[in-house]
Amino acid sequence: MLAETRYEHIILNNARVPVIEGTTMKVVELVLAQAAYGWSADELREQFPYLTFGQIYSALAYYWDHQEELDADIEGRIRKADKIKKSMPESALVKRLRGKGLV
């Protein structure tokens, strides 16, 4: 069951994660793209043409109004990815590059 928020284009999915309505994009995914590349709203619109400016600005407003909670979510995602990465065996390519002193 989806839950509405006070933000016109933002809903909470079944896991209570804020997503942009009508898409599968999580608010944190848009925020991470902006942070990683320094994109403005115009550049976000170019990169994600299926989003409207209303959706983009609503997602960014939601983030800034819930920054502490969403930053904790982002940190959790990073820790989970790091854990998965550490559990994976080293690839043959990385082994060869390490052997040549390139990594």
PDB file of N, CA and C in Angstrom:
ATOM      1  N   MET A   1       0.844  -1.180   0.000  1.00  0.00           N
ATOM      2  CA  MET A   1       0.000   0.000   0.000  1.00  0.00           C
ATOM      3  C   MET A   1       0.886   1.239   0.000  1.00  0.00           C
ATOM      4  N   LEU A   2       0.692   2.086  -0.976  1.00  0.00           N
ATOM      5  CA  LEU A   2       1.473   3.305  -1.077  1.00  0.00           C
ATOM      6  C   LEU A   2       0.878   4.371  -0.168  1.00  0.00           C
ATOM      7  N   ALA A   3       1.734   5.208   0.376  1.00  0.00           N
ATOM      8  CA  ALA A   3       1.283   6.281   1.248  1.00  0.00           C
ATOM      9  C   ALA A   3       1.614   7.625   0.624  1.00  0.00           C
ATOM     10  N   GLU A   4       0.674   8.538   0.690  1.00  0.00           N
ATOM     11  CA  GLU A   4       0.904   9.882   0.174  1.00  0.00           C
ATOM     12  C   GLU A   4       1.745  10.667   1.170  1.00  0.00           C
ATOM     13  N   THR A   5       2.388  11.709   0.661  1.00  0.00           N
ATOM     14  CA  THR A   5       3.153  12.614   1.510  1.00  0.00           C
ATOM     15  C   THR A   5       2.629  14.025   1.269  1.00  0.00           C
ATOM     16  N   ARG A   6       3.182  14.986   1.951  1.00  0.00           N
ATOM     17  CA  ARG A   6       2.800  16.381   1.720  1.00  0.00           C
ATOM     18  C   ARG A   6       3.441  16.922   0.452  1.00  0.00           C
ATOM     19  N   TYR A   7       4.271  16.131  -0.186  1.00  0.00           N
ATOM     20  CA  TYR A   7       4.987  16.554  -1.385  1.00  0.00           C
ATOM     21  C   TYR A   7       4.242  15.988  -2.587  1.00  0.00           C
ATOM     22  N   GLU A   8       3.827  16.873  -3.459  1.00  0.00           N
ATOM     23  CA  GLU A   8       2.916  16.496  -4.541  1.00  0.00           C
ATOM     24  C   GLU A   8       3.363  15.282  -5.337  1.00  0.00           C
ATOM     25  N   HIS A   9       4.630  15.153  -5.627  1.00  0.00           N
ATOM     26  CA  HIS A   9       5.109  14.096  -6.512  1.00  0.00           C
ATOM     27  C   HIS A   9       5.843  12.971  -5.792  1.00  0.00           C
ATOM     28  N   ILE A  10       5.803  12.958  -4.473  1.00  0.00           N
ATOM     29  CA  ILE A  10       6.549  11.971  -3.697  1.00  0.00           C
ATOM     30  C   ILE A  10       5.574  11.085  -2.919  1.00  0.00           C
ATOM     31  N   ILE A  11       5.777   9.779  -3.045  1.00  0.00           N
ATOM     32  CA  ILE A  11       4.987   8.819  -2.284  1.00  0.00           C
ATOM     33  C   ILE A  11       5.940   7.899  -1.536  1.00  0.00           C
ATOM     34  N   LEU A  12       5.418   7.219  -0.539  1.00  0.00           N
ATOM     35  CA  LEU A  12       6.190   6.212   0.178  1.00  0.00           C
ATOM     36  C   LEU A  12       5.738   4.854  -0.337  1.00  0.00           C
ATOM     37  N   ASN A  13       6.704   4.033  -0.760  1.00  0.00           N
ATOM     38  CA  ASN A  13       6.344   2.710  -1.268  1.00  0.00           C
ATOM     39  C   ASN A  13       6.032   1.773  -0.100  1.00  0.00           C
ATOM     40  N   ASN A  14       5.802   0.510  -0.405  1.00  0.00           N
ATOM     41  CA  ASN A  14       5.444  -0.460   0.636  1.00  0.00           C
ATOM     42  C   ASN A  14       6.507  -0.589   1.713  1.00  0.00           C
ATOM     43  N   ALA A  15       7.753  -0.327   1.373  1.00  0.00           N
ATOM     44  CA  ALA A  15       8.849  -0.383   2.342  1.00  0.00           C
ATOM     45  C   ALA A  15       9.046   0.959   3.042  1.00  0.00           C
ATOM     46  N   ARG A  16       8.126   1.897   2.809  1.00  0.00           N
ATOM     47  CA  ARG A  16       8.167   3.248   3.406  1.00  0.00           C
ATOM     48  C   ARG A  16       9.366   4.053   2.903  1.00  0.00           C
ATOM     49  N   VAL A  17       9.810   3.754   1.683  1.00  0.00           N
ATOM     50  CA  VAL A  17      10.909   4.476   1.046  1.00  0.00           C
ATOM     51  C   VAL A  17      10.293   5.518   0.109  1.00  0.00           C
ATOM     52  N   PRO A  18      10.733   6.789   0.194  1.00  0.00           N
ATOM     53  CA  PRO A  18      10.169   7.812  -0.682  1.00  0.00           C
ATOM     54  C   PRO A  18      10.616   7.621  -2.135  1.00  0.00           C
ATOM     55  N   VAL A  19       9.631   7.566  -3.031  1.00  0.00           N
ATOM     56  CA  VAL A  19       9.887   7.431  -4.458  1.00  0.00           C
ATOM     57  C   VAL A  19       9.143   8.526  -5.203  1.00  0.00           C
ATOM     58  N   ILE A  20       9.610   8.794  -6.403  1.00  0.00           N
ATOM     59  CA  ILE A  20       8.950   9.793  -7.250  1.00  0.00           C
ATOM     60  C   ILE A  20       7.742   9.114  -7.885  1.00  0.00           C
ATOM     61  N   GLU A  21       6.579   9.664  -7.640  1.00  0.00           N
ATOM     62  CA  GLU A  21       5.320   9.067  -8.096  1.00  0.00           C
ATOM     63  C   GLU A  21       5.324   8.835  -9.605  1.00  0.00           C
ATOM     64  N   GLY A  22       4.838   7.672 -10.003  1.00  0.00           N
ATOM     65  CA  GLY A  22       4.767   7.331 -11.415  1.00  0.00           C
ATOM     66  C   GLY A  22       6.060   6.754 -11.953  1.00  0.00           C
ATOM     67  N   THR A  23       7.059   6.591 -11.089  1.00  0.00           N
ATOM     68  CA  THR A  23       8.358   6.031 -11.481  1.00  0.00           C
ATOM     69  C   THR A  23       8.781   5.010 -10.427  1.00  0.00           C
ATOM     70  N   THR A  24       9.907   4.390 -10.679  1.00  0.00           N
ATOM     71  CA  THR A  24      10.504   3.524  -9.655  1.00  0.00           C
ATOM     72  C   THR A  24      11.709   4.203  -9.010  1.00  0.00           C
ATOM     73  N   MET A  25      11.943   5.472  -9.359  1.00  0.00           N
ATOM     74  CA  MET A  25      13.122   6.182  -8.844  1.00  0.00           C
ATOM     75  C   MET A  25      12.916   6.626  -7.407  1.00  0.00           C
ATOM     76  N   LYS A  26      13.843   6.206  -6.575  1.00  0.00           N
ATOM     77  CA  LYS A  26      13.841   6.634  -5.177  1.00  0.00           C
ATOM     78  C   LYS A  26      14.407   8.048  -5.087  1.00  0.00           C
ATOM     79  N   VAL A  27      13.918   8.799  -4.112  1.00  0.00           N
ATOM     80  CA  VAL A  27      14.416  10.157  -3.896  1.00  0.00           C
ATOM     81  C   VAL A  27      15.934  10.127  -3.692  1.00  0.00           C
ATOM     82  N   VAL A  28      16.429   9.149  -2.926  1.00  0.00           N
ATOM     83  CA  VAL A  28      17.873   9.106  -2.667  1.00  0.00           C
ATOM     84  C   VAL A  28      18.667   8.869  -3.950  1.00  0.00           C
ATOM     85  N   GLU A  29      18.108   8.165  -4.920  1.00  0.00           N
ATOM     86  CA  GLU A  29      18.822   7.939  -6.181  1.00  0.00           C
ATOM     87  C   GLU A  29      19.012   9.254  -6.933  1.00  0.00           C
ATOM     88  N   LEU A  30      17.985  10.088  -6.945  1.00  0.00           N
ATOM     89  CA  LEU A  30      18.105  11.389  -7.610  1.00  0.00           C
ATOM     90  C   LEU A  30      19.105  12.274  -6.863  1.00  0.00           C
ATOM     91  N   VAL A  31      19.037  12.265  -5.551  1.00  0.00           N
ATOM     92  CA  VAL A  31      19.939  13.077  -4.728  1.00  0.00           C
ATOM     93  C   VAL A  31      21.384  12.617  -4.911  1.00  0.00           C
ATOM     94  N   LEU A  32      21.601  11.306  -4.955  1.00  0.00           N
ATOM     95  CA  LEU A  32      22.961  10.796  -5.156  1.00  0.00           C
ATOM     96  C   LEU A  32      23.503  11.172  -6.530  1.00  0.00           C
ATOM     97  N   ALA A  33      22.656  11.154  -7.547  1.00  0.00           N
ATOM     98  CA  ALA A  33      23.093  11.573  -8.885  1.00  0.00           C
ATOM     99  C   ALA A  33      23.490  13.044  -8.863  1.00  0.00           C
ATOM    100  N   GLN A  34      22.697  13.853  -8.184  1.00  0.00           N
ATOM    101  CA  GLN A  34      23.021  15.282  -8.098  1.00  0.00           C
ATOM    102  C   GLN A  34      24.330  15.492  -7.345  1.00  0.00           C
ATOM    103  N   ALA A  35      24.501  14.785  -6.244  1.00  0.00           N
ATOM    104  CA  ALA A  35      25.715  14.948  -5.438  1.00  0.00           C
ATOM    105  C   ALA A  35      26.952  14.429  -6.175  1.00  0.00           C
ATOM    106  N   ALA A  36      26.812  13.308  -6.848  1.00  0.00           N
ATOM    107  CA  ALA A  36      27.962  12.691  -7.526  1.00  0.00           C
ATOM    108  C   ALA A  36      28.470  13.537  -8.682  1.00  0.00           C
ATOM    109  N   TYR A  37      27.558  14.142  -9.413  1.00  0.00           N
ATOM    110  CA  TYR A  37      27.947  14.857 -10.631  1.00  0.00           C
ATOM    111  C   TYR A  37      27.786  16.373 -10.530  1.00  0.00           C
ATOM    112  N   GLY A  38      27.233  16.848  -9.428  1.00  0.00           N
ATOM    113  CA  GLY A  38      27.039  18.281  -9.262  1.00  0.00           C
ATOM    114  C   GLY A  38      26.001  18.854 -10.213  1.00  0.00           C
ATOM    115  N   TRP A  39      25.043  18.032 -10.620  1.00  0.00           N
ATOM    116  CA  TRP A  39      24.051  18.459 -11.606  1.00  0.00           C
ATOM    117  C   TRP A  39      23.038  19.428 -11.015  1.00  0.00           C
ATOM    118  N   SER A  40      22.693  20.422 -11.800  1.00  0.00           N
ATOM    119  CA  SER A  40      21.605  21.341 -11.471  1.00  0.00           C
ATOM    120  C   SER A  40      20.284  20.649 -11.799  1.00  0.00           C
ATOM    121  N   ALA A  41      19.171  21.298 -11.469  1.00  0.00           N
ATOM    122  CA  ALA A  41      17.861  20.743 -11.817  1.00  0.00           C
ATOM    123  C   ALA A  41      17.732  20.587 -13.331  1.00  0.00           C
ATOM    124  N   ASP A  42      18.246  21.550 -14.091  1.00  0.00           N
ATOM    125  CA  ASP A  42      18.200  21.452 -15.556  1.00  0.00           C
ATOM    126  C   ASP A  42      18.976  20.232 -16.048  1.00  0.00           C
ATOM    127  N   GLU A  43      20.147  20.009 -15.460  1.00  0.00           N
ATOM    128  CA  GLU A  43      20.968  18.864 -15.868  1.00  0.00           C
ATOM    129  C   GLU A  43      20.329  17.543 -15.427  1.00  0.00           C
ATOM    130  N   LEU A  44      19.692  17.536 -14.250  1.00  0.00           N
ATOM    131  CA  LEU A  44      18.966  16.339 -13.831  1.00  0.00           C
ATOM    132  C   LEU A  44      17.850  16.026 -14.822  1.00  0.00           C
ATOM    133  N   ARG A  45      17.184  17.063 -15.289  1.00  0.00           N
ATOM    134  CA  ARG A  45      16.089  16.894 -16.266  1.00  0.00           C
ATOM    135  C   ARG A  45      16.637  16.325 -17.578  1.00  0.00           C
ATOM    136  N   GLU A  46      17.828  16.766 -17.989  1.00  0.00           N
ATOM    137  CA  GLU A  46      18.452  16.220 -19.201  1.00  0.00           C
ATOM    138  C   GLU A  46      18.800  14.747 -19.017  1.00  0.00           C
ATOM    139  N   GLN A  47      19.307  14.393 -17.848  1.00  0.00           N
ATOM    140  CA  GLN A  47      19.725  13.020 -17.586  1.00  0.00           C
ATOM    141  C   GLN A  47      18.545  12.081 -17.360  1.00  0.00           C
ATOM    142  N   PHE A  48      17.477  12.622 -16.828  1.00  0.00           N
ATOM    143  CA  PHE A  48      16.277  11.828 -16.537  1.00  0.00           C
ATOM    144  C   PHE A  48      15.076  12.484 -17.215  1.00  0.00           C
ATOM    145  N   PRO A  49      15.007  12.395 -18.538  1.00  0.00           N
ATOM    146  CA  PRO A  49      13.969  13.127 -19.282  1.00  0.00           C
ATOM    147  C   PRO A  49      12.544  12.678 -18.970  1.00  0.00           C
ATOM    148  N   TYR A  50      12.377  11.545 -18.345  1.00  0.00           N
ATOM    149  CA  TYR A  50      11.040  11.086 -17.984  1.00  0.00           C
ATOM    150  C   TYR A  50      10.526  11.775 -16.713  1.00  0.00           C
ATOM    151  N   LEU A  51      11.393  12.550 -16.026  1.00  0.00           N
ATOM    152  CA  LEU A  51      10.976  13.309 -14.851  1.00  0.00           C
ATOM    153  C   LEU A  51      10.612  14.731 -15.250  1.00  0.00           C
ATOM    154  N   THR A  52       9.596  15.268 -14.607  1.00  0.00           N
ATOM    155  CA  THR A  52       9.245  16.669 -14.825  1.00  0.00           C
ATOM    156  C   THR A  52      10.036  17.523 -13.838  1.00  0.00           C
ATOM    157  N   PHE A  53      10.090  18.818 -14.096  1.00  0.00           N
ATOM    158  CA  PHE A  53      10.744  19.705 -13.137  1.00  0.00           C
ATOM    159  C   PHE A  53      10.015  19.663 -11.795  1.00  0.00           C
ATOM    160  N   GLY A  54       8.691  19.544 -11.835  1.00  0.00           N
ATOM    161  CA  GLY A  54       7.932  19.439 -10.593  1.00  0.00           C
ATOM    162  C   GLY A  54       8.366  18.242  -9.777  1.00  0.00           C
ATOM    163  N   GLN A  55       8.565  17.095 -10.433  1.00  0.00           N
ATOM    164  CA  GLN A  55       9.016  15.895  -9.736  1.00  0.00           C
ATOM    165  C   GLN A  55      10.418  16.083  -9.165  1.00  0.00           C
ATOM    166  N   ILE A  56      11.296  16.684  -9.953  1.00  0.00           N
ATOM    167  CA  ILE A  56      12.677  16.896  -9.512  1.00  0.00           C
ATOM    168  C   ILE A  56      12.723  17.822  -8.307  1.00  0.00           C
ATOM    169  N   TYR A  57      12.062  18.968  -8.410  1.00  0.00           N
ATOM    170  CA  TYR A  57      12.098  19.922  -7.303  1.00  0.00           C
ATOM    171  C   TYR A  57      11.394  19.373  -6.064  1.00  0.00           C
ATOM    172  N   SER A  58      10.329  18.609  -6.259  1.00  0.00           N
ATOM    173  CA  SER A  58       9.641  18.013  -5.124  1.00  0.00           C
ATOM    174  C   SER A  58      10.538  16.997  -4.423  1.00  0.00           C
ATOM    175  N   ALA A  59      11.261  16.193  -5.201  1.00  0.00           N
ATOM    176  CA  ALA A  59      12.190  15.212  -4.622  1.00  0.00           C
ATOM    177  C   ALA A  59      13.309  15.911  -3.857  1.00  0.00           C
ATOM    178  N   LEU A  60      13.852  16.977  -4.434  1.00  0.00           N
ATOM    179  CA  LEU A  60      14.931  17.710  -3.755  1.00  0.00           C
ATOM    180  C   LEU A  60      14.414  18.372  -2.478  1.00  0.00           C
ATOM    181  N   ALA A  61      13.200  18.929  -2.519  1.00  0.00           N
ATOM    182  CA  ALA A  61      12.609  19.538  -1.324  1.00  0.00           C
ATOM    183  C   ALA A  61      12.387  18.474  -0.252  1.00  0.00           C
ATOM    184  N   TYR A  62      11.897  17.309  -0.669  1.00  0.00           N
ATOM    185  CA  TYR A  62      11.685  16.223   0.286  1.00  0.00           C
ATOM    186  C   TYR A  62      13.010  15.847   0.948  1.00  0.00           C
ATOM    187  N   TYR A  63      14.060  15.750   0.146  1.00  0.00           N
ATOM    188  CA  TYR A  63      15.371  15.420   0.704  1.00  0.00           C
ATOM    189  C   TYR A  63      15.800  16.451   1.751  1.00  0.00           C
ATOM    190  N   TRP A  64      15.746  17.728   1.407  1.00  0.00           N
ATOM    191  CA  TRP A  64      16.233  18.743   2.336  1.00  0.00           C
ATOM    192  C   TRP A  64      15.389  18.802   3.599  1.00  0.00           C
ATOM    193  N   ASP A  65      14.101  18.475   3.503  1.00  0.00           N
ATOM    194  CA  ASP A  65      13.245  18.470   4.688  1.00  0.00           C
ATOM    195  C   ASP A  65      13.413  17.197   5.521  1.00  0.00           C
ATOM    196  N   HIS A  66      14.023  16.163   4.952  1.00  0.00           N
ATOM    197  CA  HIS A  66      14.228  14.888   5.643  1.00  0.00           C
ATOM    198  C   HIS A  66      15.685  14.436   5.529  1.00  0.00           C
ATOM    199  N   GLN A  67      16.589  15.391   5.491  1.00  0.00           N
ATOM    200  CA  GLN A  67      17.993  15.114   5.202  1.00  0.00           C
ATOM    201  C   GLN A  67      18.622  14.104   6.163  1.00  0.00           C
ATOM    202  N   GLU A  68      18.421  14.258   7.438  1.00  0.00           N
ATOM    203  CA  GLU A  68      19.058  13.368   8.416  1.00  0.00           C
ATOM    204  C   GLU A  68      18.623  11.918   8.178  1.00  0.00           C
ATOM    205  N   GLU A  69      17.340  11.716   8.017  1.00  0.00           N
ATOM    206  CA  GLU A  69      16.796  10.364   7.797  1.00  0.00           C
ATOM    207  C   GLU A  69      17.289   9.766   6.477  1.00  0.00           C
ATOM    208  N   LEU A  70      17.300  10.565   5.408  1.00  0.00           N
ATOM    209  CA  LEU A  70      17.722  10.047   4.107  1.00  0.00           C
ATOM    210  C   LEU A  70      19.234   9.858   4.043  1.00  0.00           C
ATOM    211  N   ASP A  71      19.999  10.706   4.699  1.00  0.00           N
ATOM    212  CA  ASP A  71      21.450  10.504   4.754  1.00  0.00           C
ATOM    213  C   ASP A  71      21.779   9.198   5.483  1.00  0.00           C
ATOM    214  N   ALA A  72      21.015   8.880   6.532  1.00  0.00           N
ATOM    215  CA  ALA A  72      21.213   7.610   7.233  1.00  0.00           C
ATOM    216  C   ALA A  72      20.897   6.445   6.300  1.00  0.00           C
ATOM    217  N   ASP A  73      19.864   6.584   5.478  1.00  0.00           N
ATOM    218  CA  ASP A  73      19.514   5.549   4.501  1.00  0.00           C
ATOM    219  C   ASP A  73      20.649   5.375   3.493  1.00  0.00           C
ATOM    220  N   ILE A  74      21.191   6.483   3.027  1.00  0.00           N
ATOM    221  CA  ILE A  74      22.293   6.435   2.062  1.00  0.00           C
ATOM    222  C   ILE A  74      23.502   5.737   2.686  1.00  0.00           C
ATOM    223  N   GLU A  75      23.836   6.093   3.919  1.00  0.00           N
ATOM    224  CA  GLU A  75      24.967   5.453   4.615  1.00  0.00           C
ATOM    225  C   GLU A  75      24.747   3.946   4.744  1.00  0.00           C
ATOM    226  N   GLY A  76      23.521   3.551   5.057  1.00  0.00           N
ATOM    227  CA  GLY A  76      23.201   2.133   5.152  1.00  0.00           C
ATOM    228  C   GLY A  76      23.385   1.420   3.824  1.00  0.00           C
ATOM    229  N   ARG A  77      22.989   2.073   2.747  1.00  0.00           N
ATOM    230  CA  ARG A  77      23.158   1.496   1.409  1.00  0.00           C
ATOM    231  C   ARG A  77      24.649   1.343   1.068  1.00  0.00           C
ATOM    232  N   ILE A  78      25.440   2.330   1.448  1.00  0.00           N
ATOM    233  CA  ILE A  78      26.885   2.276   1.187  1.00  0.00           C
ATOM    234  C   ILE A  78      27.518   1.131   1.976  1.00  0.00           C
ATOM    235  N   ARG A  79      27.142   1.000   3.254  1.00  0.00           N
ATOM    236  CA  ARG A  79      27.676  -0.096   4.073  1.00  0.00           C
ATOM    237  C   ARG A  79      27.295  -1.455   3.481  1.00  0.00           C
ATOM    238  N   LYS A  80      26.062  -1.584   3.033  1.00  0.00           N
ATOM    239  CA  LYS A  80      25.611  -2.845   2.439  1.00  0.00           C
ATOM    240  C   LYS A  80      26.398  -3.160   1.168  1.00  0.00           C
ATOM    241  N   ALA A  81      26.613  -2.148   0.318  1.00  0.00           N
ATOM    242  CA  ALA A  81      27.384  -2.357  -0.913  1.00  0.00           C
ATOM    243  C   ALA A  81      28.826  -2.730  -0.596  1.00  0.00           C
ATOM    244  N   ASP A  82      29.408  -2.074   0.406  1.00  0.00           N
ATOM    245  CA  ASP A  82      30.784  -2.409   0.807  1.00  0.00           C
ATOM    246  C   ASP A  82      30.875  -3.841   1.322  1.00  0.00           C
ATOM    247  N   LYS A  83      29.877  -4.255   2.089  1.00  0.00           N
ATOM    248  CA  LYS A  83      29.860  -5.625   2.618  1.00  0.00           C
ATOM    249  C   LYS A  83      29.787  -6.639   1.477  1.00  0.00           C
ATOM    250  N   ILE A  84      28.936  -6.361   0.501  1.00  0.00           N
ATOM    251  CA  ILE A  84      28.806  -7.260  -0.653  1.00  0.00           C
ATOM    252  C   ILE A  84      30.121  -7.300  -1.429  1.00  0.00           C
ATOM    253  N   LYS A  85      30.715  -6.125  -1.632  1.00  0.00           N
ATOM    254  CA  LYS A  85      31.978  -6.048  -2.375  1.00  0.00           C
ATOM    255  C   LYS A  85      33.070  -6.857  -1.680  1.00  0.00           C
ATOM    256  N   LYS A  86      33.147  -6.753  -0.363  1.00  0.00           N
ATOM    257  CA  LYS A  86      34.181  -7.483   0.382  1.00  0.00           C
ATOM    258  C   LYS A  86      33.957  -8.989   0.354  1.00  0.00           C
ATOM    259  N   SER A  87      32.716  -9.403   0.180  1.00  0.00           N
ATOM    260  CA  SER A  87      32.422 -10.835   0.157  1.00  0.00           C
ATOM    261  C   SER A  87      32.693 -11.469  -1.205  1.00  0.00           C
ATOM    262  N   MET A  88      32.911 -10.646  -2.217  1.00  0.00           N
ATOM    263  CA  MET A  88      33.150 -11.147  -3.569  1.00  0.00           C
ATOM    264  C   MET A  88      34.627 -11.507  -3.740  1.00  0.00           C
ATOM    265  N   PRO A  89      34.902 -12.595  -4.445  1.00  0.00           N
ATOM    266  CA  PRO A  89      36.309 -12.927  -4.703  1.00  0.00           C
ATOM    267  C   PRO A  89      36.922 -11.919  -5.684  1.00  0.00           C
ATOM    268  N   GLU A  90      38.216 -11.735  -5.566  1.00  0.00           N
ATOM    269  CA  GLU A  90      38.915 -10.817  -6.458  1.00  0.00           C
ATOM    270  C   GLU A  90      38.882 -11.379  -7.887  1.00  0.00           C
ATOM    271  N   SER A  91      38.589 -10.515  -8.847  1.00  0.00           N
ATOM    272  CA  SER A  91      38.503 -10.966 -10.239  1.00  0.00           C
ATOM    273  C   SER A  91      39.901 -11.237 -10.802  1.00  0.00           C
ATOM    274  N   ALA A  92      39.924 -12.026 -11.864  1.00  0.00           N
ATOM    275  CA  ALA A  92      41.193 -12.348 -12.524  1.00  0.00           C
ATOM    276  C   ALA A  92      41.877 -11.081 -13.035  1.00  0.00           C
ATOM    277  N   LEU A  93      41.100 -10.144 -13.536  1.00  0.00           N
ATOM    278  CA  LEU A  93      41.666  -8.886 -14.039  1.00  0.00           C
ATOM    279  C   LEU A  93      42.352  -8.114 -12.917  1.00  0.00           C
ATOM    280  N   VAL A  94      41.696  -7.995 -11.782  1.00  0.00           N
ATOM    281  CA  VAL A  94      42.292  -7.275 -10.658  1.00  0.00           C
ATOM    282  C   VAL A  94      43.565  -7.985 -10.193  1.00  0.00           C
ATOM    283  N   LYS A  95      43.544  -9.305 -10.176  1.00  0.00           N
ATOM    284  CA  LYS A  95      44.743 -10.062  -9.787  1.00  0.00           C
ATOM    285  C   LYS A  95      45.907  -9.764 -10.732  1.00  0.00           C
ATOM    286  N   ARG A  96      45.626  -9.745 -12.051  1.00  0.00           N
ATOM    287  CA  ARG A  96      46.684  -9.453 -13.032  1.00  0.00           C
ATOM    288  C   ARG A  96      47.202  -8.023 -12.866  1.00  0.00           C
ATOM    289  N   LEU A  97      46.299  -7.076 -12.683  1.00  0.00           N
ATOM    290  CA  LEU A  97      46.717  -5.684 -12.507  1.00  0.00           C
ATOM    291  C   LEU A  97      47.517  -5.513 -11.221  1.00  0.00           C
ATOM    292  N   ARG A  98      47.082  -6.190 -10.153  1.00  0.00           N
ATOM    293  CA  ARG A  98      47.823  -6.130  -8.893  1.00  0.00           C
ATOM    294  C   ARG A  98      49.202  -6.728  -9.062  1.00  0.00           C
ATOM    295  N   GLY A  99      49.300  -7.833  -9.807  1.00  0.00           N
ATOM    296  CA  GLY A  99      50.580  -8.472 -10.073  1.00  0.00           C
ATOM    297  C   GLY A  99      51.541  -7.570 -10.827  1.00  0.00           C
ATOM    298  N   LYS A 100      51.009  -6.670 -11.645  1.00  0.00           N
ATOM    299  CA  LYS A 100      51.821  -5.726 -12.401  1.00  0.00           C
ATOM    300  C   LYS A 100      52.025  -4.408 -11.642  1.00  0.00           C
ATOM    301  N   GLY A 101      51.472  -4.346 -10.424  1.00  0.00           N
ATOM    302  CA  GLY A 101      51.629  -3.133  -9.626  1.00  0.00           C
ATOM    303  C   GLY A 101      50.768  -1.975 -10.104  1.00  0.00           C
ATOM    304  N   LEU A 102      49.727  -2.263 -10.844  1.00  0.00           N
ATOM    305  CA  LEU A 102      48.879  -1.213 -11.397  1.00  0.00           C
ATOM    306  C   LEU A 102      47.661  -0.900 -10.517  1.00  0.00           C
ATOM    307  N   VAL A 103      47.455  -1.715  -9.493  1.00  0.00           N
ATOM    308  CA  VAL A 103      46.323  -1.481  -8.574  1.00  0.00           C
ATOM    309  C   VAL A 103      46.818  -1.459  -7.152  1.00  0.00           C
TER     310      VAL A 103
END
